[in-house]
Full PDB file with SEQRES, HELIX, SHEET, SSBOND, CRYST1, ORIGX, SCALE, CONECT and MASTER records, all heavy atoms in Angstrom:
SEQRES   1 A   33  LYS ASN GLN ASN PRO SER TRP GLU CYS GLY ARG VAL GLU          
SEQRES   2 A   33  ASN ILE SER CYS ARG ALA GLU LYS PHE PRO ASP ILE PRO          
SEQRES   3 A   33  ILE GLU ASN LEU GLY GLN ASN                                  
HELIX    1 AA1 ILE A   27  ASN A   29  5                                   3    
CRYST1    1.000    1.000    1.000  90.00  90.00  90.00 P 1           1          
ORIGX1      1.000000  0.000000  0.000000        0.00000                         
ORIGX2      0.000000  1.000000  0.000000        0.00000                         
ORIGX3      0.000000  0.000000  1.000000        0.00000                         
SCALE1      1.000000  0.000000  0.000000        0.00000                         
SCALE2      0.000000  1.000000  0.000000        0.00000                         
SCALE3      0.000000  0.000000  1.000000        0.00000                         
ATOM      1  N   LYS A   1      50.020  67.580 148.382  1.00  0.00           N  
ATOM      2  CA  LYS A   1      48.892  67.031 147.604  1.00  0.00           C  
ATOM      3  C   LYS A   1      48.234  68.228 146.926  1.00  0.00           C  
ATOM      4  O   LYS A   1      47.721  67.909 145.758  1.00  0.00           O  
ATOM      5  CB  LYS A   1      47.835  66.377 148.602  1.00  0.00           C  
ATOM      6  CG  LYS A   1      46.721  65.826 147.898  1.00  0.00           C  
ATOM      7  CD  LYS A   1      47.088  64.484 147.284  1.00  0.00           C  
ATOM      8  CE  LYS A   1      45.796  63.770 146.789  1.00  0.00           C  
ATOM      9  NZ  LYS A   1      46.130  62.854 145.780  1.00  0.00           N  
ATOM     10  N   ASN A   2      47.991  69.445 147.519  1.00  0.00           N  
ATOM     11  CA  ASN A   2      47.503  70.394 146.809  1.00  0.00           C  
ATOM     12  C   ASN A   2      48.211  70.833 145.549  1.00  0.00           C  
ATOM     13  O   ASN A   2      47.546  71.258 144.611  1.00  0.00           O  
ATOM     14  CB  ASN A   2      47.291  71.609 147.746  1.00  0.00           C  
ATOM     15  CG  ASN A   2      46.310  71.461 148.824  1.00  0.00           C  
ATOM     16  OD1 ASN A   2      45.372  70.624 148.708  1.00  0.00           O  
ATOM     17  ND2 ASN A   2      46.191  72.200 149.962  1.00  0.00           N  
ATOM     18  N   GLN A   3      49.557  70.798 145.674  1.00  0.00           N  
ATOM     19  CA  GLN A   3      50.406  71.273 144.429  1.00  0.00           C  
ATOM     20  C   GLN A   3      50.655  70.034 143.529  1.00  0.00           C  
ATOM     21  O   GLN A   3      50.961  70.370 142.297  1.00  0.00           O  
ATOM     22  CB  GLN A   3      51.654  71.850 144.895  1.00  0.00           C  
ATOM     23  CG  GLN A   3      51.425  73.084 145.709  1.00  0.00           C  
ATOM     24  CD  GLN A   3      52.712  74.041 145.776  1.00  0.00           C  
ATOM     25  OE1 GLN A   3      53.675  73.819 144.926  1.00  0.00           O  
ATOM     26  NE2 GLN A   3      52.742  74.793 146.687  1.00  0.00           N  
ATOM     27  N   ASN A   4      50.465  68.876 143.926  1.00  0.00           N  
ATOM     28  CA  ASN A   4      50.591  67.832 143.149  1.00  0.00           C  
ATOM     29  C   ASN A   4      49.523  66.836 143.305  1.00  0.00           C  
ATOM     30  O   ASN A   4      49.583  65.793 144.008  1.00  0.00           O  
ATOM     31  CB  ASN A   4      51.935  66.978 143.431  1.00  0.00           C  
ATOM     32  CG  ASN A   4      53.196  67.943 143.216  1.00  0.00           C  
ATOM     33  OD1 ASN A   4      53.383  68.455 142.182  1.00  0.00           O  
ATOM     34  ND2 ASN A   4      53.833  68.215 144.346  1.00  0.00           N  
ATOM     35  N   PRO A   5      48.227  66.912 142.707  1.00  0.00           N  
ATOM     36  CA  PRO A   5      47.111  66.091 142.853  1.00  0.00           C  
ATOM     37  C   PRO A   5      47.317  64.672 142.686  1.00  0.00           C  
ATOM     38  O   PRO A   5      46.638  63.816 143.341  1.00  0.00           O  
ATOM     39  CB  PRO A   5      46.069  66.797 141.956  1.00  0.00           C  
ATOM     40  CG  PRO A   5      46.603  68.109 141.709  1.00  0.00           C  
ATOM     41  CD  PRO A   5      48.057  68.088 141.766  1.00  0.00           C  
ATOM     42  N   SER A   6      48.300  64.235 141.844  1.00  0.00           N  
ATOM     43  CA  SER A   6      48.514  62.890 141.645  1.00  0.00           C  
ATOM     44  C   SER A   6      49.343  62.272 142.669  1.00  0.00           C  
ATOM     45  O   SER A   6      49.453  61.075 142.664  1.00  0.00           O  
ATOM     46  CB  SER A   6      49.093  62.652 140.207  1.00  0.00           C  
ATOM     47  OG  SER A   6      50.505  63.257 140.133  1.00  0.00           O  
ATOM     48  N   TRP A   7      49.937  63.011 143.528  1.00  0.00           N  
ATOM     49  CA  TRP A   7      50.761  62.466 144.502  1.00  0.00           C  
ATOM     50  C   TRP A   7      49.952  61.622 145.593  1.00  0.00           C  
ATOM     51  O   TRP A   7      48.955  62.103 146.081  1.00  0.00           O  
ATOM     52  CB  TRP A   7      51.542  63.571 145.373  1.00  0.00           C  
ATOM     53  CG  TRP A   7      52.549  63.016 146.377  1.00  0.00           C  
ATOM     54  CD1 TRP A   7      53.821  62.571 145.999  1.00  0.00           C  
ATOM     55  CD2 TRP A   7      52.405  62.876 147.810  1.00  0.00           C  
ATOM     56  NE1 TRP A   7      54.453  62.123 147.251  1.00  0.00           N  
ATOM     57  CE2 TRP A   7      53.696  62.337 148.265  1.00  0.00           C  
ATOM     58  CE3 TRP A   7      51.447  63.236 148.653  1.00  0.00           C  
ATOM     59  CZ2 TRP A   7      53.985  62.220 149.590  1.00  0.00           C  
ATOM     60  CZ3 TRP A   7      51.629  63.114 150.001  1.00  0.00           C  
ATOM     61  CH2 TRP A   7      52.922  62.524 150.509  1.00  0.00           C  
ATOM     62  N   GLU A   8      50.427  60.394 145.965  1.00  0.00           N  
ATOM     63  CA  GLU A   8      49.684  59.548 146.762  1.00  0.00           C  
ATOM     64  C   GLU A   8      50.581  58.828 147.640  1.00  0.00           C  
ATOM     65  O   GLU A   8      51.588  58.402 147.173  1.00  0.00           O  
ATOM     66  CB  GLU A   8      48.817  58.451 146.015  1.00  0.00           C  
ATOM     67  CG  GLU A   8      47.486  59.068 145.594  1.00  0.00           C  
ATOM     68  CD  GLU A   8      46.507  57.911 145.279  1.00  0.00           C  
ATOM     69  OE1 GLU A   8      46.490  56.770 145.970  1.00  0.00           O  
ATOM     70  OE2 GLU A   8      45.787  58.083 144.269  1.00  0.00           O  
ATOM     71  N   CYS A   9      50.375  58.808 148.911  1.00  0.00           N  
ATOM     72  CA  CYS A   9      51.145  58.014 149.963  1.00  0.00           C  
ATOM     73  C   CYS A   9      50.011  57.312 150.763  1.00  0.00           C  
ATOM     74  O   CYS A   9      49.385  58.059 151.620  1.00  0.00           O  
ATOM     75  CB  CYS A   9      52.016  58.886 150.705  1.00  0.00           C  
ATOM     76  SG  CYS A   9      53.041  57.977 151.774  1.00  0.00           S  
ATOM     77  N   GLY A  10      49.905  56.072 150.720  1.00  0.00           N  
ATOM     78  CA  GLY A  10      48.935  55.447 151.562  1.00  0.00           C  
ATOM     79  C   GLY A  10      49.133  55.656 153.066  1.00  0.00           C  
ATOM     80  O   GLY A  10      48.198  56.035 153.878  1.00  0.00           O  
ATOM     81  N   ARG A  11      50.383  55.629 153.499  1.00  0.00           N  
ATOM     82  CA  ARG A  11      50.748  55.816 154.851  1.00  0.00           C  
ATOM     83  C   ARG A  11      52.262  56.175 154.920  1.00  0.00           C  
ATOM     84  O   ARG A  11      53.081  55.539 154.332  1.00  0.00           O  
ATOM     85  CB  ARG A  11      50.552  54.605 155.727  1.00  0.00           C  
ATOM     86  CG  ARG A  11      50.836  54.712 157.131  1.00  0.00           C  
ATOM     87  CD  ARG A  11      50.742  53.415 158.118  1.00  0.00           C  
ATOM     88  NE  ARG A  11      51.829  52.547 157.907  1.00  0.00           N  
ATOM     89  CZ  ARG A  11      51.609  51.276 157.412  1.00  0.00           C  
ATOM     90  NH1 ARG A  11      50.682  50.839 156.998  1.00  0.00           N  
ATOM     91  NH2 ARG A  11      52.808  50.637 157.153  1.00  0.00           N  
ATOM     92  N   VAL A  12      52.593  57.258 155.609  1.00  0.00           N  
ATOM     93  CA  VAL A  12      53.929  57.612 155.676  1.00  0.00           C  
ATOM     94  C   VAL A  12      54.552  56.799 156.862  1.00  0.00           C  
ATOM     95  O   VAL A  12      54.072  56.947 158.034  1.00  0.00           O  
ATOM     96  CB  VAL A  12      54.074  59.105 155.967  1.00  0.00           C  
ATOM     97  CG1 VAL A  12      55.506  59.531 156.123  1.00  0.00           C  
ATOM     98  CG2 VAL A  12      53.528  59.897 154.788  1.00  0.00           C  
ATOM     99  N   GLU A  13      55.659  56.045 156.552  1.00  0.00           N  
ATOM    100  CA  GLU A  13      56.201  55.233 157.543  1.00  0.00           C  
ATOM    101  C   GLU A  13      57.430  55.865 158.210  1.00  0.00           C  
ATOM    102  O   GLU A  13      57.758  55.661 159.353  1.00  0.00           O  
ATOM    103  CB  GLU A  13      56.566  53.949 157.087  1.00  0.00           C  
ATOM    104  CG  GLU A  13      56.953  52.833 158.032  1.00  0.00           C  
ATOM    105  CD  GLU A  13      57.090  51.478 157.499  1.00  0.00           C  
ATOM    106  OE1 GLU A  13      56.020  50.949 157.074  1.00  0.00           O  
ATOM    107  OE2 GLU A  13      58.206  50.898 157.430  1.00  0.00           O  
ATOM    108  N   ASN A  14      58.023  56.651 157.481  1.00  0.00           N  
ATOM    109  CA  ASN A  14      59.397  57.335 157.930  1.00  0.00           C  
ATOM    110  C   ASN A  14      59.469  58.608 157.132  1.00  0.00           C  
ATOM    111  O   ASN A  14      58.906  58.824 156.033  1.00  0.00           O  
ATOM    112  CB  ASN A  14      60.548  56.474 157.759  1.00  0.00           C  
ATOM    113  CG  ASN A  14      61.660  56.809 158.689  1.00  0.00           C  
ATOM    114  OD1 ASN A  14      61.718  57.928 159.296  1.00  0.00           O  
ATOM    115  ND2 ASN A  14      62.656  55.891 158.751  1.00  0.00           N  
ATOM    116  N   ILE A  15      60.309  59.649 157.698  1.00  0.00           N  
ATOM    117  CA  ILE A  15      60.532  60.935 156.980  1.00  0.00           C  
ATOM    118  C   ILE A  15      61.980  61.368 157.369  1.00  0.00           C  
ATOM    119  O   ILE A  15      62.521  61.054 158.394  1.00  0.00           O  
ATOM    120  CB  ILE A  15      59.438  61.998 157.547  1.00  0.00           C  
ATOM    121  CG1 ILE A  15      59.712  63.222 156.707  1.00  0.00           C  
ATOM    122  CG2 ILE A  15      59.713  62.231 159.106  1.00  0.00           C  
ATOM    123  CD1 ILE A  15      58.393  64.208 156.970  1.00  0.00           C  
ATOM    124  N   SER A  16      62.585  61.925 156.288  1.00  0.00           N  
ATOM    125  CA  SER A  16      63.823  62.601 156.465  1.00  0.00           C  
ATOM    126  C   SER A  16      63.696  64.095 155.968  1.00  0.00           C  
ATOM    127  O   SER A  16      63.058  64.349 154.997  1.00  0.00           O  
ATOM    128  CB  SER A  16      64.848  61.928 155.637  1.00  0.00           C  
ATOM    129  OG  SER A  16      66.076  62.491 155.720  1.00  0.00           O  
ATOM    130  N   CYS A  17      64.169  65.045 156.742  1.00  0.00           N  
ATOM    131  CA  CYS A  17      64.179  66.390 156.500  1.00  0.00           C  
ATOM    132  C   CYS A  17      65.530  66.947 156.394  1.00  0.00           C  
ATOM    133  O   CYS A  17      66.404  66.606 157.215  1.00  0.00           O  
ATOM    134  CB  CYS A  17      63.252  67.154 157.594  1.00  0.00           C  
ATOM    135  SG  CYS A  17      61.490  66.555 157.647  1.00  0.00           S  
ATOM    136  N   ARG A  18      65.692  68.017 155.571  1.00  0.00           N  
ATOM    137  CA  ARG A  18      66.970  68.590 155.286  1.00  0.00           C  
ATOM    138  C   ARG A  18      66.684  70.116 154.835  1.00  0.00           C  
ATOM    139  O   ARG A  18      65.823  70.348 154.169  1.00  0.00           O  
ATOM    140  CB  ARG A  18      67.916  67.745 154.358  1.00  0.00           C  
ATOM    141  CG  ARG A  18      67.553  67.985 153.109  1.00  0.00           C  
ATOM    142  CD  ARG A  18      68.491  67.144 152.033  1.00  0.00           C  
ATOM    143  NE  ARG A  18      68.099  67.372 150.665  1.00  0.00           N  
ATOM    144  CZ  ARG A  18      68.741  66.686 149.718  1.00  0.00           C  
ATOM    145  NH1 ARG A  18      69.833  65.887 149.977  1.00  0.00           N  
ATOM    146  NH2 ARG A  18      68.412  66.932 148.521  1.00  0.00           N  
ATOM    147  N   ALA A  19      67.853  70.998 155.130  1.00  0.00           N  
ATOM    148  CA  ALA A  19      67.810  72.310 154.638  1.00  0.00           C  
ATOM    149  C   ALA A  19      68.422  72.216 153.179  1.00  0.00           C  
ATOM    150  O   ALA A  19      69.363  71.549 153.092  1.00  0.00           O  
ATOM    151  CB  ALA A  19      68.628  73.181 155.537  1.00  0.00           C  
ATOM    152  N   GLU A  20      67.754  72.872 152.298  1.00  0.00           N  
ATOM    153  CA  GLU A  20      68.254  72.775 150.948  1.00  0.00           C  
ATOM    154  C   GLU A  20      69.676  73.329 150.784  1.00  0.00           C  
ATOM    155  O   GLU A  20      70.479  72.778 149.993  1.00  0.00           O  
ATOM    156  CB  GLU A  20      67.307  73.846 150.169  1.00  0.00           C  
ATOM    157  CG  GLU A  20      67.724  73.929 148.604  1.00  0.00           C  
ATOM    158  CD  GLU A  20      67.116  75.000 147.899  1.00  0.00           C  
ATOM    159  OE1 GLU A  20      66.756  76.116 148.397  1.00  0.00           O  
ATOM    160  OE2 GLU A  20      66.893  74.734 146.730  1.00  0.00           O  
ATOM    161  N   LYS A  21      70.074  74.356 151.462  1.00  0.00           N  
ATOM    162  CA  LYS A  21      71.517  74.918 151.306  1.00  0.00           C  
ATOM    163  C   LYS A  21      72.446  74.249 152.304  1.00  0.00           C  
ATOM    164  O   LYS A  21      73.506  74.464 152.192  1.00  0.00           O  
ATOM    165  CB  LYS A  21      71.497  76.359 151.517  1.00  0.00           C  
ATOM    166  CG  LYS A  21      70.717  77.305 150.453  1.00  0.00           C  
ATOM    167  CD  LYS A  21      70.906  78.625 150.608  1.00  0.00           C  
ATOM    168  CE  LYS A  21      70.208  79.342 149.436  1.00  0.00           C  
ATOM    169  NZ  LYS A  21      70.576  80.606 149.209  1.00  0.00           N  
ATOM    170  N   PHE A  22      71.932  73.412 153.046  1.00  0.00           N  
ATOM    171  CA  PHE A  22      72.885  72.626 154.167  1.00  0.00           C  
ATOM    172  C   PHE A  22      72.421  71.237 154.225  1.00  0.00           C  
ATOM    173  O   PHE A  22      72.131  70.751 155.397  1.00  0.00           O  
ATOM    174  CB  PHE A  22      72.844  73.358 155.515  1.00  0.00           C  
ATOM    175  CG  PHE A  22      73.095  74.897 155.442  1.00  0.00           C  
ATOM    176  CD1 PHE A  22      72.090  75.813 155.461  1.00  0.00           C  
ATOM    177  CD2 PHE A  22      74.384  75.278 155.415  1.00  0.00           C  
ATOM    178  CE1 PHE A  22      72.344  77.188 155.385  1.00  0.00           C  
ATOM    179  CE2 PHE A  22      74.675  76.657 155.437  1.00  0.00           C  
ATOM    180  CZ  PHE A  22      73.531  77.648 155.457  1.00  0.00           C  
ATOM    181  N   PRO A  23      72.402  70.502 152.995  1.00  0.00           N  
ATOM    182  CA  PRO A  23      71.926  69.079 153.078  1.00  0.00           C  
ATOM    183  C   PRO A  23      72.589  68.146 153.943  1.00  0.00           C  
ATOM    184  O   PRO A  23      71.994  67.108 154.294  1.00  0.00           O  
ATOM    185  CB  PRO A  23      71.972  68.771 151.645  1.00  0.00           C  
ATOM    186  CG  PRO A  23      73.152  69.529 151.065  1.00  0.00           C  
ATOM    187  CD  PRO A  23      72.973  70.872 151.818  1.00  0.00           C  
ATOM    188  N   ASP A  24      73.952  68.441 154.390  1.00  0.00           N  
ATOM    189  CA  ASP A  24      74.647  67.400 155.234  1.00  0.00           C  
ATOM    190  C   ASP A  24      74.612  67.800 156.689  1.00  0.00           C  
ATOM    191  O   ASP A  24      75.273  67.012 157.461  1.00  0.00           O  
ATOM    192  CB  ASP A  24      76.018  67.414 154.494  1.00  0.00           C  
ATOM    193  CG  ASP A  24      76.138  66.822 153.236  1.00  0.00           C  
ATOM    194  OD1 ASP A  24      75.238  65.983 152.791  1.00  0.00           O  
ATOM    195  OD2 ASP A  24      76.867  67.259 152.411  1.00  0.00           O  
ATOM    196  N   ILE A  25      73.995  68.894 157.038  1.00  0.00           N  
ATOM    197  CA  ILE A  25      73.890  69.281 158.436  1.00  0.00           C  
ATOM    198  C   ILE A  25      72.472  68.706 158.976  1.00  0.00           C  
ATOM    199  O   ILE A  25      71.483  69.225 158.430  1.00  0.00           O  
ATOM    200  CB  ILE A  25      74.117  70.774 158.604  1.00  0.00           C  
ATOM    201  CG1 ILE A  25      75.412  71.148 158.091  1.00  0.00           C  
ATOM    202  CG2 ILE A  25      73.890  71.139 160.189  1.00  0.00           C  
ATOM    203  CD1 ILE A  25      75.755  72.632 158.085  1.00  0.00           C  
ATOM    204  N   PRO A  26      72.518  67.975 160.006  1.00  0.00           N  
ATOM    205  CA  PRO A  26      71.290  67.601 160.660  1.00  0.00           C  
ATOM    206  C   PRO A  26      70.509  68.752 161.056  1.00  0.00           C  
ATOM    207  O   PRO A  26      71.078  69.757 161.529  1.00  0.00           O  
ATOM    208  CB  PRO A  26      71.693  66.800 161.898  1.00  0.00           C  
ATOM    209  CG  PRO A  26      73.048  66.240 161.605  1.00  0.00           C  
ATOM    210  CD  PRO A  26      73.728  67.404 160.767  1.00  0.00           C  
ATOM    211  N   ILE A  27      69.061  68.808 160.775  1.00  0.00           N  
ATOM    212  CA  ILE A  27      68.262  69.965 161.023  1.00  0.00           C  
ATOM    213  C   ILE A  27      68.348  70.408 162.527  1.00  0.00           C  
ATOM    214  O   ILE A  27      68.216  71.670 162.849  1.00  0.00           O  
ATOM    215  CB  ILE A  27      66.913  69.818 160.502  1.00  0.00           C  
ATOM    216  CG1 ILE A  27      66.119  68.714 161.340  1.00  0.00           C  
ATOM    217  CG2 ILE A  27      66.789  69.686 159.126  1.00  0.00           C  
ATOM    218  CD1 ILE A  27      64.675  68.588 161.051  1.00  0.00           C  
ATOM    219  N   GLU A  28      68.524  69.534 163.472  1.00  0.00           N  
ATOM    220  CA  GLU A  28      68.733  69.813 164.838  1.00  0.00           C  
ATOM    221  C   GLU A  28      69.911  70.688 165.096  1.00  0.00           C  
ATOM    222  O   GLU A  28      70.080  71.160 166.301  1.00  0.00           O  
ATOM    223  CB  GLU A  28      68.546  68.604 165.765  1.00  0.00           C  
ATOM    224  CG  GLU A  28      69.505  67.568 165.538  1.00  0.00           C  
ATOM    225  CD  GLU A  28      69.141  66.486 164.548  1.00  0.00           C  
ATOM    226  OE1 GLU A  28      68.071  66.625 163.798  1.00  0.00           O  
ATOM    227  OE2 GLU A  28      69.928  65.494 164.319  1.00  0.00           O  
ATOM    228  N   ASN A  29      70.894  70.703 164.202  1.00  0.00           N  
ATOM    229  CA  ASN A  29      72.210  71.471 164.421  1.00  0.00           C  
ATOM    230  C   ASN A  29      72.114  72.718 163.722  1.00  0.00           C  
ATOM    231  O   ASN A  29      73.203  73.440 163.719  1.00  0.00           O  
ATOM    232  CB  ASN A  29      73.346  70.618 163.857  1.00  0.00           C  
ATOM    233  CG  ASN A  29      73.689  69.402 164.733  1.00  0.00           C  
ATOM    234  OD1 ASN A  29      73.080  69.168 165.765  1.00  0.00           O  
ATOM    235  ND2 ASN A  29      74.415  68.558 164.353  1.00  0.00           N  
ATOM    236  N   LEU A  30      70.997  73.227 163.119  1.00  0.00           N  
ATOM    237  CA  LEU A  30      71.036  74.502 162.292  1.00  0.00           C  
ATOM    238  C   LEU A  30      70.467  75.594 163.287  1.00  0.00           C  
ATOM    239  O   LEU A  30      70.526  76.621 162.759  1.00  0.00           O  
ATOM    240  CB  LEU A  30      69.935  74.287 161.126  1.00  0.00           C  
ATOM    241  CG  LEU A  30      70.423  73.198 160.087  1.00  0.00           C  
ATOM    242  CD1 LEU A  30      69.282  72.996 159.030  1.00  0.00           C  
ATOM    243  CD2 LEU A  30      71.649  73.776 159.328  1.00  0.00           C  
ATOM    244  N   GLY A  31      70.040  75.201 164.460  1.00  0.00           N  
ATOM    245  CA  GLY A  31      69.575  76.348 165.296  1.00  0.00           C  
ATOM    246  C   GLY A  31      68.188  76.997 164.948  1.00  0.00           C  
ATOM    247  O   GLY A  31      67.851  78.087 165.318  1.00  0.00           O  
ATOM    248  N   GLN A  32      67.409  76.228 164.212  1.00  0.00           N  
ATOM    249  CA  GLN A  32      66.039  76.578 163.901  1.00  0.00           C  
ATOM    250  C   GLN A  32      64.998  75.764 164.616  1.00  0.00           C  
ATOM    251  O   GLN A  32      65.327  74.631 165.035  1.00  0.00           O  
ATOM    252  CB  GLN A  32      65.755  76.540 162.481  1.00  0.00           C  
ATOM    253  CG  GLN A  32      66.674  77.503 161.696  1.00  0.00           C  
ATOM    254  CD  GLN A  32      66.033  78.102 160.454  1.00  0.00           C  
ATOM    255  OE1 GLN A  32      65.394  77.403 159.800  1.00  0.00           O  
ATOM    256  NE2 GLN A  32      66.127  79.418 160.356  1.00  0.00           N  
ATOM    257  N   ASN A  33      63.779  76.325 164.955  1.00  0.00           N  
ATOM    258  CA  ASN A  33      62.751  75.517 165.546  1.00  0.00           C  
ATOM    259  C   ASN A  33      61.928  75.019 164.352  1.00  0.00           C  
ATOM    260  O   ASN A  33      61.296  75.808 163.743  1.00  0.00           O  
ATOM    261  CB  ASN A  33      61.807  76.510 166.369  1.00  0.00           C  
ATOM    262  CG  ASN A  33      62.653  76.970 167.547  1.00  0.00           C  
ATOM    263  OD1 ASN A  33      63.309  76.082 168.276  1.00  0.00           O  
ATOM    264  ND2 ASN A  33      62.431  78.170 168.006  1.00  0.00           N  
TER     265      ASN A  33                                                      
MASTER        0    0    0    1    0    0    0    6  264    1    0    3          
END                                                                             
C-alpha cells in the first residue's frame, strides 16, 4: 500500500507465495524461515 497508494484489497481471502528465482519450488522446500 505504501508503494502503490491506489492498491486496494477489501479482504485478503487467500495468499500464494513463491521465490522469484525458484517459482516452481514450494517455499517450505527452500530451507528458509
